[in-house]
Amino acid sequence: MHEFSIVSSLLESCEEIAQQNKAQKILTITLDIGERSGVNVALLKSAFEEFKCGSICEDSKLLIQESKVELTCEQCHQTSIPKELNYTRCPQCGSDQVKITKGNEMLLLRLEME
């Protein structure tokens, strides 16, 4: 389960950011997790609840928003959200010259600190 290592890195990043901002604790952590990021949201939440004990995030709430995959076509230059799990063809022109430009990452969007 790589969610444990993700949470470990997240907590380290939160502690660094809190120190830089002279915060005593973190109240809320907001993440954006793409549907193709490879992160299991339920396992991430569970790991967070387990690992946050004793950290600056001990009393924090984890908020997660999930992002859909967004494709950009190099042929017609259109950006679209595919309706099916086919990420190899542009839904607009049918070209196979597409790349995933959103939905394959995990982003730390916001920290609410005190």
PDB file of N, CA and C in Angstrom:
ATOM      1  N   MET A   1       0.837  -1.189   0.000  1.00  0.00           N
ATOM      2  CA  MET A   1       0.000   0.000   0.000  1.00  0.00           C
ATOM      3  C   MET A   1       0.879   1.250   0.000  1.00  0.00           C
ATOM      4  N   HIS A   2       0.967   1.888  -1.133  1.00  0.00           N
ATOM      5  CA  HIS A   2       1.780   3.095  -1.207  1.00  0.00           C
ATOM      6  C   HIS A   2       1.083   4.297  -0.569  1.00  0.00           C
ATOM      7  N   GLU A   3      -0.173   4.138  -0.179  1.00  0.00           N
ATOM      8  CA  GLU A   3      -0.886   5.226   0.508  1.00  0.00           C
ATOM      9  C   GLU A   3      -0.187   5.597   1.819  1.00  0.00           C
ATOM     10  N   PHE A   4       0.436   4.614   2.485  1.00  0.00           N
ATOM     11  CA  PHE A   4       1.161   4.905   3.726  1.00  0.00           C
ATOM     12  C   PHE A   4       2.334   5.854   3.454  1.00  0.00           C
ATOM     13  N   SER A   5       3.082   5.594   2.397  1.00  0.00           N
ATOM     14  CA  SER A   5       4.208   6.477   2.087  1.00  0.00           C
ATOM     15  C   SER A   5       3.720   7.842   1.606  1.00  0.00           C
ATOM     16  N   ILE A   6       2.594   7.876   0.920  1.00  0.00           N
ATOM     17  CA  ILE A   6       2.019   9.157   0.491  1.00  0.00           C
ATOM     18  C   ILE A   6       1.638   9.985   1.711  1.00  0.00           C
ATOM     19  N   VAL A   7       0.982   9.359   2.683  1.00  0.00           N
ATOM     20  CA  VAL A   7       0.571  10.071   3.901  1.00  0.00           C
ATOM     21  C   VAL A   7       1.799  10.523   4.684  1.00  0.00           C
ATOM     22  N   SER A   8       2.808   9.695   4.746  1.00  0.00           N
ATOM     23  CA  SER A   8       4.037  10.062   5.445  1.00  0.00           C
ATOM     24  C   SER A   8       4.650  11.314   4.819  1.00  0.00           C
ATOM     25  N   SER A   9       4.744  11.353   3.504  1.00  0.00           N
ATOM     26  CA  SER A   9       5.274  12.526   2.801  1.00  0.00           C
ATOM     27  C   SER A   9       4.367  13.735   2.987  1.00  0.00           C
ATOM     28  N   LEU A  10       3.066  13.515   2.962  1.00  0.00           N
ATOM     29  CA  LEU A  10       2.111  14.605   3.163  1.00  0.00           C
ATOM     30  C   LEU A  10       2.288  15.237   4.537  1.00  0.00           C
ATOM     31  N   LEU A  11       2.424  14.404   5.560  1.00  0.00           N
ATOM     32  CA  LEU A  11       2.600  14.927   6.917  1.00  0.00           C
ATOM     33  C   LEU A  11       3.912  15.690   7.050  1.00  0.00           C
ATOM     34  N   GLU A  12       4.965  15.196   6.417  1.00  0.00           N
ATOM     35  CA  GLU A  12       6.252  15.906   6.434  1.00  0.00           C
ATOM     36  C   GLU A  12       6.112  17.277   5.770  1.00  0.00           C
ATOM     37  N   SER A  13       5.456  17.306   4.626  1.00  0.00           N
ATOM     38  CA  SER A  13       5.246  18.577   3.919  1.00  0.00           C
ATOM     39  C   SER A  13       4.419  19.542   4.752  1.00  0.00           C
ATOM     40  N   CYS A  14       3.385  19.031   5.396  1.00  0.00           N
ATOM     41  CA  CYS A  14       2.532  19.876   6.241  1.00  0.00           C
ATOM     42  C   CYS A  14       3.329  20.464   7.399  1.00  0.00           C
ATOM     43  N   GLU A  15       4.175  19.653   8.010  1.00  0.00           N
ATOM     44  CA  GLU A  15       4.997  20.144   9.122  1.00  0.00           C
ATOM     45  C   GLU A  15       5.975  21.216   8.656  1.00  0.00           C
ATOM     46  N   GLU A  16       6.587  21.026   7.496  1.00  0.00           N
ATOM     47  CA  GLU A  16       7.507  22.032   6.953  1.00  0.00           C
ATOM     48  C   GLU A  16       6.791  23.344   6.678  1.00  0.00           C
ATOM     49  N   ILE A  17       5.625  23.255   6.052  1.00  0.00           N
ATOM     50  CA  ILE A  17       4.863  24.458   5.725  1.00  0.00           C
ATOM     51  C   ILE A  17       4.408  25.162   6.999  1.00  0.00           C
ATOM     52  N   ALA A  18       3.991  24.399   7.981  1.00  0.00           N
ATOM     53  CA  ALA A  18       3.569  24.985   9.257  1.00  0.00           C
ATOM     54  C   ALA A  18       4.738  25.704   9.930  1.00  0.00           C
ATOM     55  N   GLN A  19       5.920  25.097   9.922  1.00  0.00           N
ATOM     56  CA  GLN A  19       7.106  25.731  10.516  1.00  0.00           C
ATOM     57  C   GLN A  19       7.451  27.027   9.788  1.00  0.00           C
ATOM     58  N   GLN A  20       7.391  27.003   8.468  1.00  0.00           N
ATOM     59  CA  GLN A  20       7.696  28.198   7.680  1.00  0.00           C
ATOM     60  C   GLN A  20       6.737  29.346   7.986  1.00  0.00           C
ATOM     61  N   ASN A  21       5.509  28.987   8.354  1.00  0.00           N
ATOM     62  CA  ASN A  21       4.478  29.995   8.621  1.00  0.00           C
ATOM     63  C   ASN A  21       4.238  30.204  10.109  1.00  0.00           C
ATOM     64  N   LYS A  22       5.101  29.610  10.938  1.00  0.00           N
ATOM     65  CA  LYS A  22       5.019  29.733  12.394  1.00  0.00           C
ATOM     66  C   LYS A  22       3.641  29.336  12.945  1.00  0.00           C
ATOM     67  N   ALA A  23       3.085  28.293  12.356  1.00  0.00           N
ATOM     68  CA  ALA A  23       1.792  27.771  12.805  1.00  0.00           C
ATOM     69  C   ALA A  23       2.004  26.706  13.875  1.00  0.00           C
ATOM     70  N   GLN A  24       1.080  26.634  14.812  1.00  0.00           N
ATOM     71  CA  GLN A  24       1.158  25.660  15.897  1.00  0.00           C
ATOM     72  C   GLN A  24       0.448  24.355  15.560  1.00  0.00           C
ATOM     73  N   LYS A  25      -0.588  24.468  14.724  1.00  0.00           N
ATOM     74  CA  LYS A  25      -1.280  23.248  14.307  1.00  0.00           C
ATOM     75  C   LYS A  25      -1.995  23.472  12.984  1.00  0.00           C
ATOM     76  N   ILE A  26      -2.314  22.366  12.359  1.00  0.00           N
ATOM     77  CA  ILE A  26      -3.020  22.391  11.084  1.00  0.00           C
ATOM     78  C   ILE A  26      -4.442  21.910  11.333  1.00  0.00           C
ATOM     79  N   LEU A  27      -5.397  22.709  10.887  1.00  0.00           N
ATOM     80  CA  LEU A  27      -6.805  22.396  11.115  1.00  0.00           C
ATOM     81  C   LEU A  27      -7.423  21.604   9.962  1.00  0.00           C
ATOM     82  N   THR A  28      -7.083  21.996   8.735  1.00  0.00           N
ATOM     83  CA  THR A  28      -7.672  21.359   7.563  1.00  0.00           C
ATOM     84  C   THR A  28      -6.624  21.187   6.476  1.00  0.00           C
ATOM     85  N   ILE A  29      -6.652  20.028   5.844  1.00  0.00           N
ATOM     86  CA  ILE A  29      -5.801  19.739   4.691  1.00  0.00           C
ATOM     87  C   ILE A  29      -6.731  19.416   3.527  1.00  0.00           C
ATOM     88  N   THR A  30      -6.578  20.139   2.426  1.00  0.00           N
ATOM     89  CA  THR A  30      -7.413  19.893   1.253  1.00  0.00           C
ATOM     90  C   THR A  30      -6.545  19.358   0.126  1.00  0.00           C
ATOM     91  N   LEU A  31      -6.929  18.202  -0.388  1.00  0.00           N
ATOM     92  CA  LEU A  31      -6.218  17.543  -1.485  1.00  0.00           C
ATOM     93  C   LEU A  31      -7.119  17.416  -2.697  1.00  0.00           C
ATOM     94  N   ASP A  32      -6.506  17.406  -3.859  1.00  0.00           N
ATOM     95  CA  ASP A  32      -7.190  17.084  -5.110  1.00  0.00           C
ATOM     96  C   ASP A  32      -6.546  15.806  -5.626  1.00  0.00           C
ATOM     97  N   ILE A  33      -7.343  14.772  -5.787  1.00  0.00           N
ATOM     98  CA  ILE A  33      -6.822  13.477  -6.233  1.00  0.00           C
ATOM     99  C   ILE A  33      -7.485  13.109  -7.553  1.00  0.00           C
ATOM    100  N   GLY A  34      -6.675  12.934  -8.573  1.00  0.00           N
ATOM    101  CA  GLY A  34      -7.173  12.564  -9.889  1.00  0.00           C
ATOM    102  C   GLY A  34      -7.583  11.112  -9.940  1.00  0.00           C
ATOM    103  N   GLU A  35      -8.599  10.842 -10.755  1.00  0.00           N
ATOM    104  CA  GLU A  35      -9.118   9.473 -10.841  1.00  0.00           C
ATOM    105  C   GLU A  35      -8.099   8.487 -11.403  1.00  0.00           C
ATOM    106  N   ARG A  36      -7.082   8.972 -12.118  1.00  0.00           N
ATOM    107  CA  ARG A  36      -6.028   8.105 -12.652  1.00  0.00           C
ATOM    108  C   ARG A  36      -4.706   8.267 -11.915  1.00  0.00           C
ATOM    109  N   SER A  37      -4.751   8.783 -10.693  1.00  0.00           N
ATOM    110  CA  SER A  37      -3.526   9.009  -9.919  1.00  0.00           C
ATOM    111  C   SER A  37      -2.965   7.724  -9.329  1.00  0.00           C
ATOM    112  N   GLY A  38      -3.785   6.703  -9.242  1.00  0.00           N
ATOM    113  CA  GLY A  38      -3.342   5.456  -8.627  1.00  0.00           C
ATOM    114  C   GLY A  38      -3.476   5.456  -7.120  1.00  0.00           C
ATOM    115  N   VAL A  39      -4.127   6.484  -6.586  1.00  0.00           N
ATOM    116  CA  VAL A  39      -4.311   6.589  -5.142  1.00  0.00           C
ATOM    117  C   VAL A  39      -5.708   6.097  -4.779  1.00  0.00           C
ATOM    118  N   ASN A  40      -5.770   5.176  -3.830  1.00  0.00           N
ATOM    119  CA  ASN A  40      -7.046   4.691  -3.312  1.00  0.00           C
ATOM    120  C   ASN A  40      -7.473   5.653  -2.201  1.00  0.00           C
ATOM    121  N   VAL A  41      -8.536   6.404  -2.447  1.00  0.00           N
ATOM    122  CA  VAL A  41      -8.964   7.458  -1.526  1.00  0.00           C
ATOM    123  C   VAL A  41      -9.331   6.891  -0.150  1.00  0.00           C
ATOM    124  N   ALA A  42     -10.023   5.771  -0.107  1.00  0.00           N
ATOM    125  CA  ALA A  42     -10.419   5.177   1.179  1.00  0.00           C
ATOM    126  C   ALA A  42      -9.189   4.761   1.991  1.00  0.00           C
ATOM    127  N   LEU A  43      -8.210   4.148   1.323  1.00  0.00           N
ATOM    128  CA  LEU A  43      -6.986   3.749   2.021  1.00  0.00           C
ATOM    129  C   LEU A  43      -6.181   4.967   2.468  1.00  0.00           C
ATOM    130  N   LEU A  44      -6.173   6.016   1.653  1.00  0.00           N
ATOM    131  CA  LEU A  44      -5.460   7.240   2.015  1.00  0.00           C
ATOM    132  C   LEU A  44      -6.079   7.860   3.270  1.00  0.00           C
ATOM    133  N   LYS A  45      -7.392   7.922   3.314  1.00  0.00           N
ATOM    134  CA  LYS A  45      -8.074   8.477   4.496  1.00  0.00           C
ATOM    135  C   LYS A  45      -7.769   7.651   5.740  1.00  0.00           C
ATOM    136  N   SER A  46      -7.801   6.346   5.592  1.00  0.00           N
ATOM    137  CA  SER A  46      -7.517   5.451   6.711  1.00  0.00           C
ATOM    138  C   SER A  46      -6.075   5.624   7.197  1.00  0.00           C
ATOM    139  N   ALA A  47      -5.142   5.664   6.271  1.00  0.00           N
ATOM    140  CA  ALA A  47      -3.736   5.846   6.632  1.00  0.00           C
ATOM    141  C   ALA A  47      -3.526   7.205   7.296  1.00  0.00           C
ATOM    142  N   PHE A  48      -4.209   8.229   6.811  1.00  0.00           N
ATOM    143  CA  PHE A  48      -4.082   9.559   7.396  1.00  0.00           C
ATOM    144  C   PHE A  48      -4.544   9.551   8.851  1.00  0.00           C
ATOM    145  N   GLU A  49      -5.683   8.935   9.111  1.00  0.00           N
ATOM    146  CA  GLU A  49      -6.213   8.872  10.479  1.00  0.00           C
ATOM    147  C   GLU A  49      -5.240   8.149  11.409  1.00  0.00           C
ATOM    148  N   GLU A  50      -4.575   7.148  10.893  1.00  0.00           N
ATOM    149  CA  GLU A  50      -3.621   6.369  11.686  1.00  0.00           C
ATOM    150  C   GLU A  50      -2.313   7.123  11.938  1.00  0.00           C
ATOM    151  N   PHE A  51      -1.789   7.768  10.892  1.00  0.00           N
ATOM    152  CA  PHE A  51      -0.475   8.404  10.981  1.00  0.00           C
ATOM    153  C   PHE A  51      -0.485   9.808  11.556  1.00  0.00           C
ATOM    154  N   LYS A  52      -1.619  10.476  11.583  1.00  0.00           N
ATOM    155  CA  LYS A  52      -1.634  11.866  12.046  1.00  0.00           C
ATOM    156  C   LYS A  52      -1.454  11.984  13.563  1.00  0.00           C
ATOM    157  N   CYS A  53      -1.673  10.910  14.290  1.00  0.00           N
ATOM    158  CA  CYS A  53      -1.537  10.926  15.748  1.00  0.00           C
ATOM    159  C   CYS A  53      -0.117  11.324  16.154  1.00  0.00           C
ATOM    160  N   GLY A  54      -0.022  12.296  17.035  1.00  0.00           N
ATOM    161  CA  GLY A  54       1.261  12.766  17.513  1.00  0.00           C
ATOM    162  C   GLY A  54       1.946  13.777  16.610  1.00  0.00           C
ATOM    163  N   SER A  55       1.290  14.158  15.523  1.00  0.00           N
ATOM    164  CA  SER A  55       1.885  15.129  14.605  1.00  0.00           C
ATOM    165  C   SER A  55       1.177  16.472  14.743  1.00  0.00           C
ATOM    166  N   ILE A  56       1.669  17.449  14.020  1.00  0.00           N
ATOM    167  CA  ILE A  56       1.048  18.769  13.998  1.00  0.00           C
ATOM    168  C   ILE A  56      -0.352  18.707  13.355  1.00  0.00           C
ATOM    169  N   CYS A  57      -0.630  17.615  12.679  1.00  0.00           N
ATOM    170  CA  CYS A  57      -1.917  17.410  12.002  1.00  0.00           C
ATOM    171  C   CYS A  57      -2.894  16.569  12.836  1.00  0.00           C
ATOM    172  N   GLU A  58      -2.552  16.326  14.088  1.00  0.00           N
ATOM    173  CA  GLU A  58      -3.340  15.411  14.916  1.00  0.00           C
ATOM    174  C   GLU A  58      -4.826  15.757  14.959  1.00  0.00           C
ATOM    175  N   ASP A  59      -5.155  17.040  15.024  1.00  0.00           N
ATOM    176  CA  ASP A  59      -6.563  17.454  15.105  1.00  0.00           C
ATOM    177  C   ASP A  59      -7.128  17.897  13.762  1.00  0.00           C
ATOM    178  N   SER A  60      -6.398  17.664  12.698  1.00  0.00           N
ATOM    179  CA  SER A  60      -6.833  18.180  11.403  1.00  0.00           C
ATOM    180  C   SER A  60      -7.846  17.276  10.717  1.00  0.00           C
ATOM    181  N   LYS A  61      -8.571  17.915   9.822  1.00  0.00           N
ATOM    182  CA  LYS A  61      -9.565  17.238   9.003  1.00  0.00           C
ATOM    183  C   LYS A  61      -8.995  17.144   7.595  1.00  0.00           C
ATOM    184  N   LEU A  62      -9.141  15.994   6.962  1.00  0.00           N
ATOM    185  CA  LEU A  62      -8.662  15.781   5.600  1.00  0.00           C
ATOM    186  C   LEU A  62      -9.841  15.902   4.643  1.00  0.00           C
ATOM    187  N   LEU A  63      -9.777  16.879   3.753  1.00  0.00           N
ATOM    188  CA  LEU A  63     -10.811  17.081   2.737  1.00  0.00           C
ATOM    189  C   LEU A  63     -10.242  16.683   1.385  1.00  0.00           C
ATOM    190  N   ILE A  64     -10.997  15.879   0.661  1.00  0.00           N
ATOM    191  CA  ILE A  64     -10.515  15.387  -0.625  1.00  0.00           C
ATOM    192  C   ILE A  64     -11.539  15.694  -1.702  1.00  0.00           C
ATOM    193  N   GLN A  65     -11.056  16.322  -2.758  1.00  0.00           N
ATOM    194  CA  GLN A  65     -11.894  16.473  -3.951  1.00  0.00           C
ATOM    195  C   GLN A  65     -11.260  15.620  -5.039  1.00  0.00           C
ATOM    196  N   GLU A  66     -12.092  14.992  -5.824  1.00  0.00           N
ATOM    197  CA  GLU A  66     -11.592  14.099  -6.863  1.00  0.00           C
ATOM    198  C   GLU A  66     -11.773  14.747  -8.228  1.00  0.00           C
ATOM    199  N   SER A  67     -10.728  14.639  -9.060  1.00  0.00           N
ATOM    200  CA  SER A  67     -10.745  15.232 -10.393  1.00  0.00           C
ATOM    201  C   SER A  67     -10.914  14.162 -11.453  1.00  0.00           C
ATOM    202  N   LYS A  68     -11.701  14.483 -12.454  1.00  0.00           N
ATOM    203  CA  LYS A  68     -11.868  13.620 -13.617  1.00  0.00           C
ATOM    204  C   LYS A  68     -10.661  13.777 -14.530  1.00  0.00           C
ATOM    205  N   VAL A  69     -10.465  12.791 -15.374  1.00  0.00           N
ATOM    206  CA  VAL A  69      -9.408  12.854 -16.369  1.00  0.00           C
ATOM    207  C   VAL A  69      -9.790  13.891 -17.424  1.00  0.00           C
ATOM    208  N   GLU A  70      -8.798  14.673 -17.801  1.00  0.00           N
ATOM    209  CA  GLU A  70      -8.973  15.653 -18.876  1.00  0.00           C
ATOM    210  C   GLU A  70      -7.939  15.337 -19.950  1.00  0.00           C
ATOM    211  N   LEU A  71      -8.391  15.252 -21.178  1.00  0.00           N
ATOM    212  CA  LEU A  71      -7.511  14.955 -22.308  1.00  0.00           C
ATOM    213  C   LEU A  71      -7.305  16.199 -23.160  1.00  0.00           C
ATOM    214  N   THR A  72      -6.105  16.347 -23.689  1.00  0.00           N
ATOM    215  CA  THR A  72      -5.828  17.394 -24.654  1.00  0.00           C
ATOM    216  C   THR A  72      -5.346  16.724 -25.926  1.00  0.00           C
ATOM    217  N   CYS A  73      -5.989  17.090 -27.028  1.00  0.00           N
ATOM    218  CA  CYS A  73      -5.659  16.509 -28.326  1.00  0.00           C
ATOM    219  C   CYS A  73      -4.602  17.369 -29.011  1.00  0.00           C
ATOM    220  N   GLU A  74      -3.542  16.729 -29.456  1.00  0.00           N
ATOM    221  CA  GLU A  74      -2.488  17.448 -30.157  1.00  0.00           C
ATOM    222  C   GLU A  74      -2.849  17.694 -31.617  1.00  0.00           C
ATOM    223  N   GLN A  75      -3.895  17.025 -32.094  1.00  0.00           N
ATOM    224  CA  GLN A  75      -4.335  17.193 -33.482  1.00  0.00           C
ATOM    225  C   GLN A  75      -5.293  18.390 -33.610  1.00  0.00           C
ATOM    226  N   CYS A  76      -6.383  18.385 -32.836  1.00  0.00           N
ATOM    227  CA  CYS A  76      -7.385  19.450 -32.954  1.00  0.00           C
ATOM    228  C   CYS A  76      -7.271  20.499 -31.837  1.00  0.00           C
ATOM    229  N   HIS A  77      -6.369  20.259 -30.873  1.00  0.00           N
ATOM    230  CA  HIS A  77      -6.093  21.187 -29.760  1.00  0.00           C
ATOM    231  C   HIS A  77      -7.284  21.403 -28.834  1.00  0.00           C
ATOM    232  N   GLN A  78      -8.215  20.472 -28.829  1.00  0.00           N
ATOM    233  CA  GLN A  78      -9.366  20.554 -27.934  1.00  0.00           C
ATOM    234  C   GLN A  78      -9.045  19.851 -26.618  1.00  0.00           C
ATOM    235  N   THR A  79      -9.613  20.379 -25.554  1.00  0.00           N
ATOM    236  CA  THR A  79      -9.510  19.747 -24.238  1.00  0.00           C
ATOM    237  C   THR A  79     -10.884  19.189 -23.903  1.00  0.00           C
ATOM    238  N   SER A  80     -10.916  17.955 -23.422  1.00  0.00           N
ATOM    239  CA  SER A  80     -12.208  17.335 -23.132  1.00  0.00           C
ATOM    240  C   SER A  80     -12.097  16.342 -21.985  1.00  0.00           C
ATOM    241  N   ILE A  81     -13.243  16.037 -21.413  1.00  0.00           N
ATOM    242  CA  ILE A  81     -13.358  15.017 -20.376  1.00  0.00           C
ATOM    243  C   ILE A  81     -14.018  13.808 -21.036  1.00  0.00           C
ATOM    244  N   PRO A  82     -13.295  12.700 -21.118  1.00  0.00           N
ATOM    245  CA  PRO A  82     -13.866  11.524 -21.787  1.00  0.00           C
ATOM    246  C   PRO A  82     -15.049  10.958 -21.009  1.00  0.00           C
ATOM    247  N   LYS A  83     -16.053  10.502 -21.741  1.00  0.00           N
ATOM    248  CA  LYS A  83     -17.248   9.938 -21.114  1.00  0.00           C
ATOM    249  C   LYS A  83     -17.053   8.462 -20.763  1.00  0.00           C
ATOM    250  N   GLU A  84     -16.083   7.831 -21.418  1.00  0.00           N
ATOM    251  CA  GLU A  84     -15.783   6.429 -21.165  1.00  0.00           C
ATOM    252  C   GLU A  84     -14.347   6.319 -20.664  1.00  0.00           C
ATOM    253  N   LEU A  85     -13.905   5.120 -20.390  1.00  0.00           N
ATOM    254  CA  LEU A  85     -12.547   4.898 -19.908  1.00  0.00           C
ATOM    255  C   LEU A  85     -11.530   4.809 -21.039  1.00  0.00           C
ATOM    256  N   ASN A  86     -11.875   5.305 -22.207  1.00  0.00           N
ATOM    257  CA  ASN A  86     -10.960   5.303 -23.337  1.00  0.00           C
ATOM    258  C   ASN A  86     -10.184   6.622 -23.331  1.00  0.00           C
ATOM    259  N   TYR A  87      -8.911   6.551 -22.933  1.00  0.00           N
ATOM    260  CA  TYR A  87      -8.073   7.739 -22.869  1.00  0.00           C
ATOM    261  C   TYR A  87      -7.075   7.777 -24.021  1.00  0.00           C
ATOM    262  N   THR A  88      -7.321   6.988 -25.070  1.00  0.00           N
ATOM    263  CA  THR A  88      -6.377   6.906 -26.174  1.00  0.00           C
ATOM    264  C   THR A  88      -6.874   7.609 -27.434  1.00  0.00           C
ATOM    265  N   ARG A  89      -8.111   8.065 -27.445  1.00  0.00           N
ATOM    266  CA  ARG A  89      -8.680   8.738 -28.619  1.00  0.00           C
ATOM    267  C   ARG A  89      -9.377  10.025 -28.194  1.00  0.00           C
ATOM    268  N   CYS A  90      -9.226  11.025 -29.033  1.00  0.00           N
ATOM    269  CA  CYS A  90      -9.891  12.305 -28.790  1.00  0.00           C
ATOM    270  C   CYS A  90     -11.396  12.139 -29.019  1.00  0.00           C
ATOM    271  N   PRO A  91     -12.218  12.501 -28.030  1.00  0.00           N
ATOM    272  CA  PRO A  91     -13.665  12.402 -28.221  1.00  0.00           C
ATOM    273  C   PRO A  91     -14.193  13.387 -29.267  1.00  0.00           C
ATOM    274  N   GLN A  92     -13.402  14.399 -29.618  1.00  0.00           N
ATOM    275  CA  GLN A  92     -13.835  15.414 -30.589  1.00  0.00           C
ATOM    276  C   GLN A  92     -13.558  14.992 -32.033  1.00  0.00           C
ATOM    277  N   CYS A  93     -12.299  14.607 -32.307  1.00  0.00           N
ATOM    278  CA  CYS A  93     -11.921  14.328 -33.698  1.00  0.00           C
ATOM    279  C   CYS A  93     -11.510  12.880 -33.946  1.00  0.00           C
ATOM    280  N   GLY A  94     -11.369  12.086 -32.862  1.00  0.00           N
ATOM    281  CA  GLY A  94     -11.006  10.681 -33.016  1.00  0.00           C
ATOM    282  C   GLY A  94      -9.517  10.413 -33.130  1.00  0.00           C
ATOM    283  N   SER A  95      -8.695  11.441 -33.077  1.00  0.00           N
ATOM    284  CA  SER A  95      -7.251  11.276 -33.193  1.00  0.00           C
ATOM    285  C   SER A  95      -6.703  10.468 -32.009  1.00  0.00           C
ATOM    286  N   ASP A  96      -5.624   9.746 -32.268  1.00  0.00           N
ATOM    287  CA  ASP A  96      -4.968   9.020 -31.183  1.00  0.00           C
ATOM    288  C   ASP A  96      -3.800   9.826 -30.603  1.00  0.00           C
ATOM    289  N   GLN A  97      -3.677  11.076 -30.972  1.00  0.00           N
ATOM    290  CA  GLN A  97      -2.615  11.954 -30.475  1.00  0.00           C
ATOM    291  C   GLN A  97      -3.135  12.770 -29.288  1.00  0.00           C
ATOM    292  N   VAL A  98      -3.435  12.065 -28.213  1.00  0.00           N
ATOM    293  CA  VAL A  98      -3.965  12.714 -27.020  1.00  0.00           C
ATOM    294  C   VAL A  98      -3.051  12.452 -25.834  1.00  0.00           C
ATOM    295  N   LYS A  99      -3.120  13.345 -24.877  1.00  0.00           N
ATOM    296  CA  LYS A  99      -2.383  13.130 -23.640  1.00  0.00           C
ATOM    297  C   LYS A  99      -3.273  13.543 -22.475  1.00  0.00           C
ATOM    298  N   ILE A 100      -3.068  12.863 -21.357  1.00  0.00           N
ATOM    299  CA  ILE A 100      -3.810  13.196 -20.141  1.00  0.00           C
ATOM    300  C   ILE A 100      -3.154  14.441 -19.544  1.00  0.00           C
ATOM    301  N   THR A 101      -3.939  15.509 -19.403  1.00  0.00           N
ATOM    302  CA  THR A 101      -3.408  16.759 -18.869  1.00  0.00           C
ATOM    303  C   THR A 101      -3.950  17.076 -17.478  1.00  0.00           C
ATOM    304  N   LYS A 102      -4.885  16.270 -17.024  1.00  0.00           N
ATOM    305  CA  LYS A 102      -5.416  16.445 -15.672  1.00  0.00           C
ATOM    306  C   LYS A 102      -6.026  15.117 -15.237  1.00  0.00           C
ATOM    307  N   GLY A 103      -5.980  14.874 -13.920  1.00  0.00           N
ATOM    308  CA  GLY A 103      -6.619  13.670 -13.402  1.00  0.00           C
ATOM    309  C   GLY A 103      -5.669  12.532 -13.106  1.00  0.00           C
ATOM    310  N   ASN A 104      -4.376  12.756 -13.309  1.00  0.00           N
ATOM    311  CA  ASN A 104      -3.408  11.701 -12.996  1.00  0.00           C
ATOM    312  C   ASN A 104      -2.441  12.137 -11.898  1.00  0.00           C
ATOM    313  N   GLU A 105      -2.840  13.156 -11.131  1.00  0.00           N
ATOM    314  CA  GLU A 105      -1.968  13.667 -10.086  1.00  0.00           C
ATOM    315  C   GLU A 105      -2.701  13.790  -8.756  1.00  0.00           C
ATOM    316  N   MET A 106      -1.919  14.036  -7.730  1.00  0.00           N
ATOM    317  CA  MET A 106      -2.451  14.346  -6.410  1.00  0.00           C
ATOM    318  C   MET A 106      -1.835  15.670  -6.009  1.00  0.00           C
ATOM    319  N   LEU A 107      -2.675  16.643  -5.669  1.00  0.00           N
ATOM    320  CA  LEU A 107      -2.199  17.985  -5.357  1.00  0.00           C
ATOM    321  C   LEU A 107      -2.626  18.403  -3.955  1.00  0.00           C
ATOM    322  N   LEU A 108      -1.715  19.034  -3.257  1.00  0.00           N
ATOM    323  CA  LEU A 108      -2.047  19.671  -1.986  1.00  0.00           C
ATOM    324  C   LEU A 108      -2.557  21.061  -2.339  1.00  0.00           C
ATOM    325  N   LEU A 109      -3.854  21.272  -2.138  1.00  0.00           N
ATOM    326  CA  LEU A 109      -4.466  22.533  -2.546  1.00  0.00           C
ATOM    327  C   LEU A 109      -4.427  23.602  -1.462  1.00  0.00           C
ATOM    328  N   ARG A 110      -4.629  23.162  -0.218  1.00  0.00           N
ATOM    329  CA  ARG A 110      -4.789  24.176   0.839  1.00  0.00           C
ATOM    330  C   ARG A 110      -4.514  23.590   2.213  1.00  0.00           C
ATOM    331  N   LEU A 111      -3.907  24.411   3.044  1.00  0.00           N
ATOM    332  CA  LEU A 111      -3.742  24.093   4.456  1.00  0.00           C
ATOM    333  C   LEU A 111      -4.363  25.230   5.263  1.00  0.00           C
ATOM    334  N   GLU A 112      -5.183  24.874   6.208  1.00  0.00           N
ATOM    335  CA  GLU A 112      -5.725  25.862   7.127  1.00  0.00           C
ATOM    336  C   GLU A 112      -4.972  25.667   8.440  1.00  0.00           C
ATOM    337  N   MET A 113      -4.255  26.701   8.857  1.00  0.00           N
ATOM    338  CA  MET A 113      -3.363  26.586  10.011  1.00  0.00           C
ATOM    339  C   MET A 113      -3.735  27.592  11.087  1.00  0.00           C
ATOM    340  N   GLU A 114      -3.253  27.298  12.263  1.00  0.00           N
ATOM    341  CA  GLU A 114      -3.489  28.168  13.421  1.00  0.00           C
ATOM    342  C   GLU A 114      -2.175  28.440  14.128  1.00  0.00           C
TER     343      GLU A 114
END
